[in-house]
Structure formats: C-alpha cells, structure tokens
C-alpha cells in the first residue's frame, strides 16, 4: 500500500471525512418535499383566486349570451362573416355621397350630404306648414289648448 508524506492512503475510493452522503440524501429528500408542498400551496392559491374572480364577474347580458349561442359550429359556410356588413356600409356610403335618382317618374333625386348642407346654408330652411288654430278650453276663455297636462288634471 502506498502512502503520501502525511500518511494518507493513495488507494482507489473516496474520502470518508470530506463528504457526508447521508446529509446529501437528506437534503435532496427535503428539497423534493418542499417543492411538492409549494406546488400544492400554489395550486390551492390559484383555485382560490379563480373562484373569487368567478364570483366577481358579472353574468353576460341576455342578448349577448343569446348571440354566443347562435354562432354555428365549425365549419362555417361564410369564410368572411363581416363581408355582407361591409357591402351594406359601402352601399350606404355610396348612396350618401353620390348623385342618383330616387324616383325618376316623380322627379326625385338624391344629392351628396355635403352638397345638401351647402344648399341649406345658402337658401335656409324651407317654410314650415302653418300650425292649426288654437281651440280654447271651454270655460276658461284664455285660448289655452286642452292637452291634459294642466295643473289639476290627470294624464293617462
């Protein structure tokens, strides 16, 4: 057996005085137990927070809930569900910004909104229809109309 100058052995093996295998194993077991406890605690915390959030969320309004139930399942036949709406908006915009006939026989045309506002600013509003004559309330003689909203009367 060979020895070093200080008297330690040079044989194959490990140093029994430097590392405690039992302490390393105990630390590993403790680390695994702590990780399991932390995971369970975090799972419980998330469940608690999710339950609290579900209580705070207001239920959907009935019309919104009905709209969600009406959505058909996949595959849907319209690849772009907004296309009909976009077409309608484009048609409305075209009608509001272009000249065209509404009724050719009656001579009614449509004009763009911008031009209509310019004409209205130049010419003013057309004269209004005359108001019907005031019918006096019997017994008062002051020319008030009978509306049912005067003090002392009840409206139905």
N, C-alpha and C. Protein backbone atom coordinates (compact mmCIF):
# COMPACT_ATOMS: atom_id res chain seq x y z
N UNK A 1 0.82 -1.16 0.00
CA UNK A 1 0.00 0.00 0.00
C UNK A 1 0.88 1.24 0.00
N UNK A 2 0.53 2.14 -0.90
CA UNK A 2 1.33 3.37 -0.99
C UNK A 2 0.68 4.44 -0.15
N UNK A 3 1.52 5.27 0.43
CA UNK A 3 1.05 6.36 1.27
C UNK A 3 1.73 7.65 0.85
N UNK A 4 1.08 8.76 1.10
CA UNK A 4 1.70 10.06 0.83
C UNK A 4 2.54 10.44 2.02
N UNK A 5 3.21 11.58 1.95
CA UNK A 5 4.10 12.02 3.00
C UNK A 5 3.40 12.25 4.32
N UNK A 6 2.11 12.69 4.26
CA UNK A 6 1.39 12.96 5.52
C UNK A 6 0.74 11.70 6.07
N UNK A 7 0.85 10.58 5.37
CA UNK A 7 0.36 9.32 5.87
C UNK A 7 -0.99 8.90 5.36
N UNK A 8 -1.57 9.63 4.38
CA UNK A 8 -2.86 9.24 3.83
C UNK A 8 -2.65 8.21 2.74
N UNK A 9 -3.64 7.37 2.52
CA UNK A 9 -3.54 6.28 1.58
C UNK A 9 -3.85 6.78 0.17
N UNK A 10 -3.19 6.20 -0.85
CA UNK A 10 -3.43 6.54 -2.24
C UNK A 10 -4.29 5.49 -2.93
N UNK A 11 -4.98 4.66 -2.19
CA UNK A 11 -5.83 3.64 -2.77
C UNK A 11 -7.06 4.24 -3.43
N UNK A 12 -7.66 3.53 -4.42
CA UNK A 12 -8.87 3.99 -5.09
C UNK A 12 -10.01 4.03 -4.09
N UNK A 13 -10.88 5.05 -4.24
CA UNK A 13 -12.02 5.19 -3.34
C UNK A 13 -12.32 6.66 -3.13
N UNK A 14 -13.04 6.94 -2.10
CA UNK A 14 -13.37 8.33 -1.81
C UNK A 14 -12.95 8.66 -0.39
N UNK A 15 -12.89 9.94 -0.13
CA UNK A 15 -12.51 10.40 1.19
C UNK A 15 -13.74 10.35 2.07
N UNK A 16 -13.66 9.62 3.12
CA UNK A 16 -14.80 9.46 4.00
C UNK A 16 -14.97 10.66 4.93
N UNK A 17 -14.00 11.47 5.09
CA UNK A 17 -14.09 12.57 6.04
C UNK A 17 -14.57 13.87 5.40
N UNK A 18 -14.58 14.02 4.05
CA UNK A 18 -14.93 15.29 3.41
C UNK A 18 -16.42 15.43 3.09
N UNK A 19 -17.10 14.40 2.66
CA UNK A 19 -18.48 14.48 2.21
C UNK A 19 -19.31 13.47 2.98
N UNK A 20 -20.50 13.95 3.43
CA UNK A 20 -21.41 13.05 4.12
C UNK A 20 -22.55 12.70 3.15
N UNK A 21 -22.58 11.48 2.69
CA UNK A 21 -23.59 11.03 1.74
C UNK A 21 -24.98 11.11 2.38
N UNK A 22 -25.10 10.80 3.61
CA UNK A 22 -26.39 10.84 4.31
C UNK A 22 -26.97 12.25 4.32
N UNK A 23 -26.12 13.27 4.52
CA UNK A 23 -26.59 14.66 4.53
C UNK A 23 -27.08 15.08 3.15
N UNK A 24 -26.40 14.65 2.11
CA UNK A 24 -26.82 14.98 0.73
C UNK A 24 -28.17 14.33 0.42
N UNK A 25 -28.35 13.08 0.81
CA UNK A 25 -29.60 12.39 0.57
C UNK A 25 -30.74 13.06 1.36
N UNK A 26 -30.48 13.40 2.62
CA UNK A 26 -31.50 14.07 3.43
C UNK A 26 -31.87 15.44 2.81
N UNK A 27 -30.86 16.18 2.33
CA UNK A 27 -31.13 17.48 1.70
C UNK A 27 -31.98 17.29 0.45
N UNK A 28 -31.67 16.28 -0.38
CA UNK A 28 -32.45 16.02 -1.60
C UNK A 28 -33.89 15.66 -1.28
N UNK A 29 -34.08 14.83 -0.26
CA UNK A 29 -35.45 14.46 0.14
C UNK A 29 -36.19 15.68 0.66
N UNK A 30 -35.54 16.49 1.47
CA UNK A 30 -36.16 17.72 1.98
C UNK A 30 -36.52 18.67 0.86
N UNK A 31 -35.63 18.79 -0.13
CA UNK A 31 -35.89 19.67 -1.28
C UNK A 31 -37.10 19.17 -2.07
N UNK A 32 -37.22 17.86 -2.29
CA UNK A 32 -38.35 17.31 -3.02
C UNK A 32 -39.66 17.52 -2.25
N UNK A 33 -39.62 17.31 -0.92
CA UNK A 33 -40.82 17.52 -0.10
C UNK A 33 -41.22 19.00 -0.13
N UNK A 34 -40.26 19.91 0.00
CA UNK A 34 -40.56 21.34 -0.04
C UNK A 34 -41.14 21.74 -1.40
N UNK A 35 -40.61 21.21 -2.49
CA UNK A 35 -41.13 21.52 -3.83
C UNK A 35 -42.58 21.03 -3.96
N UNK A 36 -42.86 19.83 -3.44
CA UNK A 36 -44.22 19.29 -3.51
C UNK A 36 -45.18 20.15 -2.69
N UNK A 37 -44.76 20.56 -1.49
CA UNK A 37 -45.61 21.40 -0.65
C UNK A 37 -45.86 22.75 -1.33
N UNK A 38 -44.85 23.34 -1.91
CA UNK A 38 -45.00 24.63 -2.60
C UNK A 38 -45.94 24.49 -3.79
N UNK A 39 -45.81 23.42 -4.56
CA UNK A 39 -46.69 23.21 -5.71
C UNK A 39 -48.15 23.07 -5.27
N UNK A 40 -48.38 22.31 -4.22
CA UNK A 40 -49.75 22.13 -3.72
C UNK A 40 -50.30 23.46 -3.20
N UNK A 41 -49.46 24.24 -2.50
CA UNK A 41 -49.91 25.53 -1.98
C UNK A 41 -50.24 26.49 -3.12
N UNK A 42 -49.43 26.54 -4.16
CA UNK A 42 -49.71 27.41 -5.30
C UNK A 42 -50.96 26.96 -6.05
N UNK A 43 -51.16 25.66 -6.19
CA UNK A 43 -52.37 25.16 -6.84
C UNK A 43 -53.60 25.61 -6.06
N UNK A 44 -53.55 25.48 -4.73
CA UNK A 44 -54.67 25.93 -3.90
C UNK A 44 -54.90 27.43 -4.00
N UNK A 45 -53.82 28.21 -4.05
CA UNK A 45 -53.94 29.66 -4.19
C UNK A 45 -54.60 30.02 -5.51
N UNK A 46 -54.20 29.39 -6.61
CA UNK A 46 -54.80 29.68 -7.90
C UNK A 46 -56.28 29.27 -7.94
N UNK A 47 -56.63 28.16 -7.32
CA UNK A 47 -58.04 27.75 -7.25
C UNK A 47 -58.85 28.79 -6.47
N UNK A 48 -58.30 29.28 -5.38
CA UNK A 48 -58.98 30.30 -4.57
C UNK A 48 -59.18 31.58 -5.37
N UNK A 49 -58.13 32.03 -6.04
CA UNK A 49 -58.23 33.26 -6.83
C UNK A 49 -59.20 33.10 -8.00
N UNK A 50 -59.21 31.94 -8.62
CA UNK A 50 -60.13 31.69 -9.74
C UNK A 50 -61.58 31.70 -9.26
N UNK A 51 -61.85 31.10 -8.10
CA UNK A 51 -63.20 31.09 -7.55
C UNK A 51 -63.64 32.51 -7.19
N UNK A 52 -62.74 33.30 -6.63
CA UNK A 52 -63.07 34.68 -6.26
C UNK A 52 -63.34 35.52 -7.51
N UNK A 53 -62.57 35.32 -8.56
CA UNK A 53 -62.78 36.05 -9.80
C UNK A 53 -64.09 35.65 -10.47
N UNK A 54 -64.45 34.39 -10.40
CA UNK A 54 -65.71 33.93 -10.98
C UNK A 54 -66.90 34.55 -10.26
N UNK A 55 -66.79 34.76 -8.94
CA UNK A 55 -67.86 35.42 -8.20
C UNK A 55 -68.00 36.87 -8.60
N UNK A 56 -66.87 37.55 -8.85
CA UNK A 56 -66.90 38.97 -9.17
C UNK A 56 -67.36 39.24 -10.59
N UNK A 57 -67.15 38.31 -11.50
CA UNK A 57 -67.55 38.53 -12.89
C UNK A 57 -69.07 38.59 -12.98
N UNK A 58 -69.55 39.64 -13.62
CA UNK A 58 -70.99 39.77 -13.82
C UNK A 58 -71.41 38.81 -14.93
N UNK A 59 -72.61 38.26 -14.82
CA UNK A 59 -73.06 37.38 -15.90
C UNK A 59 -73.28 38.19 -17.17
N UNK A 60 -73.17 37.52 -18.30
CA UNK A 60 -73.39 38.19 -19.59
C UNK A 60 -74.82 38.67 -19.70
N UNK A 61 -75.03 39.82 -20.34
CA UNK A 61 -76.41 40.24 -20.60
C UNK A 61 -77.12 39.19 -21.46
N UNK A 62 -78.43 39.09 -21.32
CA UNK A 62 -79.15 38.03 -22.05
C UNK A 62 -78.97 38.09 -23.56
N UNK A 63 -78.94 39.31 -24.13
CA UNK A 63 -78.77 39.39 -25.59
C UNK A 63 -77.39 38.91 -26.03
N UNK A 64 -76.36 39.24 -25.24
CA UNK A 64 -75.01 38.78 -25.59
C UNK A 64 -74.91 37.27 -25.46
N UNK A 65 -75.51 36.72 -24.42
CA UNK A 65 -75.47 35.27 -24.24
C UNK A 65 -76.21 34.57 -25.37
N UNK A 66 -77.34 35.14 -25.80
CA UNK A 66 -78.09 34.53 -26.90
C UNK A 66 -77.28 34.60 -28.20
N UNK A 67 -76.54 35.70 -28.39
CA UNK A 67 -75.71 35.83 -29.59
C UNK A 67 -74.60 34.80 -29.61
N UNK A 68 -74.05 34.48 -28.46
CA UNK A 68 -72.99 33.47 -28.40
C UNK A 68 -73.55 32.08 -28.69
N UNK A 69 -74.78 31.84 -28.27
CA UNK A 69 -75.37 30.53 -28.52
C UNK A 69 -75.78 30.37 -29.98
N UNK A 70 -76.02 31.50 -30.69
CA UNK A 70 -76.46 31.41 -32.07
C UNK A 70 -75.31 31.15 -33.04
N UNK A 71 -74.08 31.33 -32.62
CA UNK A 71 -72.96 31.12 -33.52
C UNK A 71 -72.92 29.65 -33.94
N UNK A 72 -72.97 29.40 -35.23
CA UNK A 72 -72.99 28.00 -35.67
C UNK A 72 -71.64 27.33 -35.45
N UNK A 73 -71.64 26.03 -35.33
CA UNK A 73 -70.37 25.32 -35.14
C UNK A 73 -69.54 25.31 -36.42
N UNK A 74 -68.28 24.96 -36.28
CA UNK A 74 -67.38 24.85 -37.43
C UNK A 74 -67.81 23.65 -38.26
N UNK A 75 -67.62 23.58 -39.52
CA UNK A 75 -67.12 24.62 -40.41
C UNK A 75 -68.26 25.56 -40.80
N UNK A 76 -67.96 26.84 -40.77
CA UNK A 76 -68.97 27.84 -41.14
C UNK A 76 -68.91 28.04 -42.65
N UNK A 77 -70.07 28.33 -43.26
CA UNK A 77 -70.15 28.43 -44.71
C UNK A 77 -69.62 29.75 -45.24
N UNK A 78 -69.61 30.79 -44.40
CA UNK A 78 -69.10 32.09 -44.84
C UNK A 78 -67.65 32.22 -44.39
N UNK A 79 -66.72 32.32 -45.32
CA UNK A 79 -65.33 32.46 -44.90
C UNK A 79 -65.09 33.81 -44.23
N UNK A 80 -65.82 34.86 -44.64
CA UNK A 80 -65.69 36.18 -44.03
C UNK A 80 -67.07 36.62 -43.59
N UNK A 81 -67.37 36.45 -42.32
CA UNK A 81 -68.72 36.73 -41.82
C UNK A 81 -69.04 38.23 -41.87
N UNK A 82 -68.05 39.08 -41.92
CA UNK A 82 -68.30 40.53 -41.95
C UNK A 82 -68.49 41.07 -43.36
N UNK A 83 -68.31 40.25 -44.37
CA UNK A 83 -68.42 40.72 -45.76
C UNK A 83 -69.80 41.31 -46.08
N UNK A 84 -70.92 40.68 -45.72
CA UNK A 84 -72.21 41.30 -46.01
C UNK A 84 -72.38 42.67 -45.35
N UNK A 85 -71.88 42.81 -44.14
CA UNK A 85 -71.98 44.09 -43.45
C UNK A 85 -71.13 45.14 -44.15
N UNK A 86 -69.92 44.75 -44.57
CA UNK A 86 -69.06 45.71 -45.28
C UNK A 86 -69.71 46.15 -46.59
N UNK A 87 -70.35 45.22 -47.29
CA UNK A 87 -71.04 45.57 -48.54
C UNK A 87 -72.17 46.56 -48.27
N UNK A 88 -72.93 46.32 -47.21
CA UNK A 88 -74.05 47.20 -46.88
C UNK A 88 -73.54 48.60 -46.55
N UNK A 89 -72.47 48.69 -45.77
CA UNK A 89 -71.91 50.00 -45.42
C UNK A 89 -71.39 50.70 -46.67
N UNK A 90 -70.77 49.96 -47.57
CA UNK A 90 -70.28 50.57 -48.82
C UNK A 90 -71.45 51.08 -49.66
N UNK A 91 -72.55 50.33 -49.73
CA UNK A 91 -73.72 50.79 -50.48
C UNK A 91 -74.32 52.04 -49.84
N UNK A 92 -74.40 52.06 -48.51
CA UNK A 92 -74.93 53.24 -47.82
C UNK A 92 -74.04 54.45 -48.07
N UNK A 93 -72.73 54.26 -47.97
CA UNK A 93 -71.81 55.38 -48.22
C UNK A 93 -71.95 55.89 -49.65
N UNK A 94 -72.11 54.97 -50.60
CA UNK A 94 -72.28 55.39 -51.99
C UNK A 94 -73.57 56.19 -52.15
N UNK A 95 -74.63 55.76 -51.49
CA UNK A 95 -75.90 56.48 -51.59
C UNK A 95 -75.82 57.86 -50.94
N UNK A 96 -74.99 58.00 -49.91
CA UNK A 96 -74.90 59.28 -49.20
C UNK A 96 -73.90 60.25 -49.83
N UNK A 97 -73.08 59.77 -50.74
CA UNK A 97 -72.02 60.64 -51.29
C UNK A 97 -72.10 60.81 -52.80
N UNK A 98 -73.15 60.29 -53.45
CA UNK A 98 -73.25 60.40 -54.90
C UNK A 98 -74.61 60.95 -55.30
N UNK A 99 -74.70 61.37 -56.56
CA UNK A 99 -75.98 61.80 -57.13
C UNK A 99 -76.69 60.59 -57.71
N UNK A 100 -78.03 60.59 -57.68
CA UNK A 100 -78.77 59.50 -58.28
C UNK A 100 -80.26 59.74 -58.20
N UNK A 101 -81.00 58.95 -58.96
CA UNK A 101 -82.46 59.04 -58.97
C UNK A 101 -83.03 58.23 -57.82
N UNK A 102 -83.99 58.81 -57.11
CA UNK A 102 -84.77 58.07 -56.13
C UNK A 102 -86.04 57.58 -56.81
N UNK A 103 -86.73 58.50 -57.53
CA UNK A 103 -87.92 58.16 -58.31
C UNK A 103 -87.91 59.01 -59.56
N UNK A 104 -87.56 58.41 -60.69
CA UNK A 104 -87.40 59.16 -61.95
C UNK A 104 -88.73 59.75 -62.42
N UNK A 105 -89.84 58.99 -62.31
CA UNK A 105 -91.13 59.50 -62.77
C UNK A 105 -91.59 60.71 -61.97
N UNK A 106 -91.32 60.70 -60.65
CA UNK A 106 -91.75 61.81 -59.80
C UNK A 106 -90.72 62.94 -59.81
N UNK A 107 -89.56 62.71 -60.40
CA UNK A 107 -88.52 63.73 -60.46
C UNK A 107 -87.78 63.92 -59.15
N UNK A 108 -87.67 62.88 -58.33
CA UNK A 108 -86.99 62.96 -57.03
C UNK A 108 -85.59 62.39 -57.19
N UNK A 109 -84.60 63.22 -56.81
CA UNK A 109 -83.20 62.79 -56.89
C UNK A 109 -82.58 62.84 -55.52
N UNK A 110 -81.44 62.20 -55.41
CA UNK A 110 -80.67 62.32 -54.17
C UNK A 110 -79.36 63.04 -54.51
N UNK A 111 -78.86 63.80 -53.53
CA UNK A 111 -77.60 64.54 -53.71
C UNK A 111 -76.70 64.20 -52.54
N UNK A 112 -75.39 64.39 -52.70
CA UNK A 112 -74.49 64.10 -51.59
C UNK A 112 -74.78 64.99 -50.38
N UNK A 113 -74.50 64.49 -49.22
CA UNK A 113 -74.77 65.21 -47.98
C UNK A 113 -74.04 66.54 -47.95
N UNK A 114 -72.78 66.55 -48.38
CA UNK A 114 -72.01 67.81 -48.37
C UNK A 114 -72.70 68.88 -49.21
N UNK A 115 -73.19 68.50 -50.39
CA UNK A 115 -73.87 69.47 -51.25
C UNK A 115 -75.19 69.91 -50.63
N UNK A 116 -75.90 68.99 -50.01
CA UNK A 116 -77.16 69.34 -49.35
C UNK A 116 -76.93 70.34 -48.22
N UNK A 117 -75.86 70.18 -47.47
CA UNK A 117 -75.56 71.13 -46.39
C UNK A 117 -75.21 72.50 -46.96
N UNK A 118 -74.46 72.52 -48.09
CA UNK A 118 -74.13 73.81 -48.72
C UNK A 118 -75.41 74.52 -49.18
N UNK A 119 -76.32 73.78 -49.84
CA UNK A 119 -77.58 74.38 -50.30
C UNK A 119 -78.42 74.87 -49.13
N UNK A 120 -78.44 74.11 -48.05
CA UNK A 120 -79.20 74.52 -46.88
C UNK A 120 -78.62 75.79 -46.27
N UNK A 121 -77.30 75.89 -46.26
CA UNK A 121 -76.67 77.10 -45.72
C UNK A 121 -76.95 78.31 -46.61
N UNK A 122 -76.98 78.11 -47.93
CA UNK A 122 -77.25 79.21 -48.85
C UNK A 122 -78.71 79.66 -48.81
N UNK A 123 -79.63 78.70 -48.89
CA UNK A 123 -81.05 79.01 -49.06
C UNK A 123 -81.83 79.07 -47.75
N UNK A 124 -81.34 78.43 -46.71
CA UNK A 124 -82.08 78.37 -45.46
C UNK A 124 -83.09 77.24 -45.48
N UNK A 125 -83.78 77.09 -44.37
CA UNK A 125 -84.79 76.04 -44.27
C UNK A 125 -86.03 76.43 -45.06
N UNK A 126 -86.74 75.46 -45.62
CA UNK A 126 -87.99 75.79 -46.31
C UNK A 126 -89.03 76.23 -45.29
N UNK A 127 -90.02 77.01 -45.73
CA UNK A 127 -91.04 77.46 -44.77
C UNK A 127 -91.80 76.26 -44.22
N UNK A 128 -92.17 76.36 -42.96
CA UNK A 128 -92.88 75.25 -42.33
C UNK A 128 -94.37 75.39 -42.58
N UNK A 129 -95.08 74.30 -42.36
CA UNK A 129 -96.53 74.31 -42.52
C UNK A 129 -97.15 75.13 -41.40
N UNK A 130 -98.26 75.84 -41.67
CA UNK A 130 -98.88 76.62 -40.60
C UNK A 130 -99.45 75.72 -39.51
N UNK A 131 -99.40 76.20 -38.29
CA UNK A 131 -99.93 75.46 -37.15
C UNK A 131 -101.45 75.52 -37.18
N UNK A 132 -102.11 74.46 -36.70
CA UNK A 132 -103.58 74.50 -36.64
C UNK A 132 -104.03 75.56 -35.62
N UNK A 133 -105.20 76.12 -35.79
CA UNK A 133 -105.67 77.15 -34.86
C UNK A 133 -105.87 76.57 -33.46
N UNK A 134 -105.69 77.44 -32.47
CA UNK A 134 -105.83 77.04 -31.08
C UNK A 134 -107.31 76.91 -30.75
N UNK A 135 -107.65 75.78 -30.13
CA UNK A 135 -109.04 75.60 -29.70
C UNK A 135 -109.12 75.90 -28.22
N UNK A 136 -109.92 76.89 -27.83
CA UNK A 136 -109.98 77.24 -26.40
C UNK A 136 -110.65 76.14 -25.58
N UNK A 137 -110.21 76.03 -24.34
CA UNK A 137 -110.80 75.08 -23.41
C UNK A 137 -112.10 75.69 -22.91
N UNK A 138 -113.18 74.94 -22.96
CA UNK A 138 -114.45 75.51 -22.52
C UNK A 138 -114.38 75.99 -21.07
N UNK A 139 -114.86 77.18 -20.86
CA UNK A 139 -114.94 77.73 -19.51
C UNK A 139 -113.76 78.59 -19.11
N UNK A 140 -112.65 78.60 -19.89
CA UNK A 140 -111.50 79.42 -19.49
C UNK A 140 -111.46 80.71 -20.28
N UNK A 141 -111.67 80.65 -21.56
CA UNK A 141 -111.68 81.84 -22.39
C UNK A 141 -110.32 82.47 -22.58
N UNK A 142 -109.23 81.78 -22.14
CA UNK A 142 -107.90 82.36 -22.28
C UNK A 142 -107.15 81.83 -23.50
N UNK A 143 -107.76 80.96 -24.30
CA UNK A 143 -107.14 80.46 -25.52
C UNK A 143 -106.19 79.31 -25.31
N UNK A 144 -106.18 78.70 -24.13
CA UNK A 144 -105.29 77.56 -23.90
C UNK A 144 -105.83 76.32 -24.59
N UNK A 145 -104.91 75.48 -25.05
CA UNK A 145 -105.32 74.22 -25.65
C UNK A 145 -105.59 73.21 -24.56
N UNK A 146 -106.41 72.27 -24.91
CA UNK A 146 -106.70 71.20 -23.99
C UNK A 146 -105.70 70.08 -24.24
N UNK A 147 -104.75 69.91 -23.32
CA UNK A 147 -103.73 68.88 -23.50
C UNK A 147 -103.78 67.83 -22.42
N UNK A 148 -104.41 68.11 -21.31
CA UNK A 148 -104.45 67.14 -20.22
C UNK A 148 -103.27 67.25 -19.31
N UNK A 149 -102.33 68.20 -19.56
CA UNK A 149 -101.15 68.34 -18.72
C UNK A 149 -101.24 69.59 -17.84
N UNK A 150 -102.38 70.25 -17.80
CA UNK A 150 -102.52 71.44 -16.97
C UNK A 150 -102.60 71.02 -15.51
N UNK A 151 -102.25 71.93 -14.62
CA UNK A 151 -102.37 71.59 -13.19
C UNK A 151 -103.82 71.28 -12.86
N UNK A 152 -103.98 70.30 -12.03
CA UNK A 152 -105.31 69.92 -11.61
C UNK A 152 -105.92 68.84 -12.49
N UNK A 153 -105.27 68.48 -13.61
CA UNK A 153 -105.78 67.40 -14.45
C UNK A 153 -104.84 66.22 -14.36
N UNK A 154 -105.36 65.08 -14.60
CA UNK A 154 -104.54 63.88 -14.56
C UNK A 154 -104.32 63.38 -15.98
N UNK A 155 -103.08 63.06 -16.28
CA UNK A 155 -102.81 62.48 -17.60
C UNK A 155 -102.90 60.97 -17.50
N UNK A 156 -103.30 60.38 -18.59
CA UNK A 156 -103.45 58.92 -18.59
C UNK A 156 -102.35 58.27 -19.30
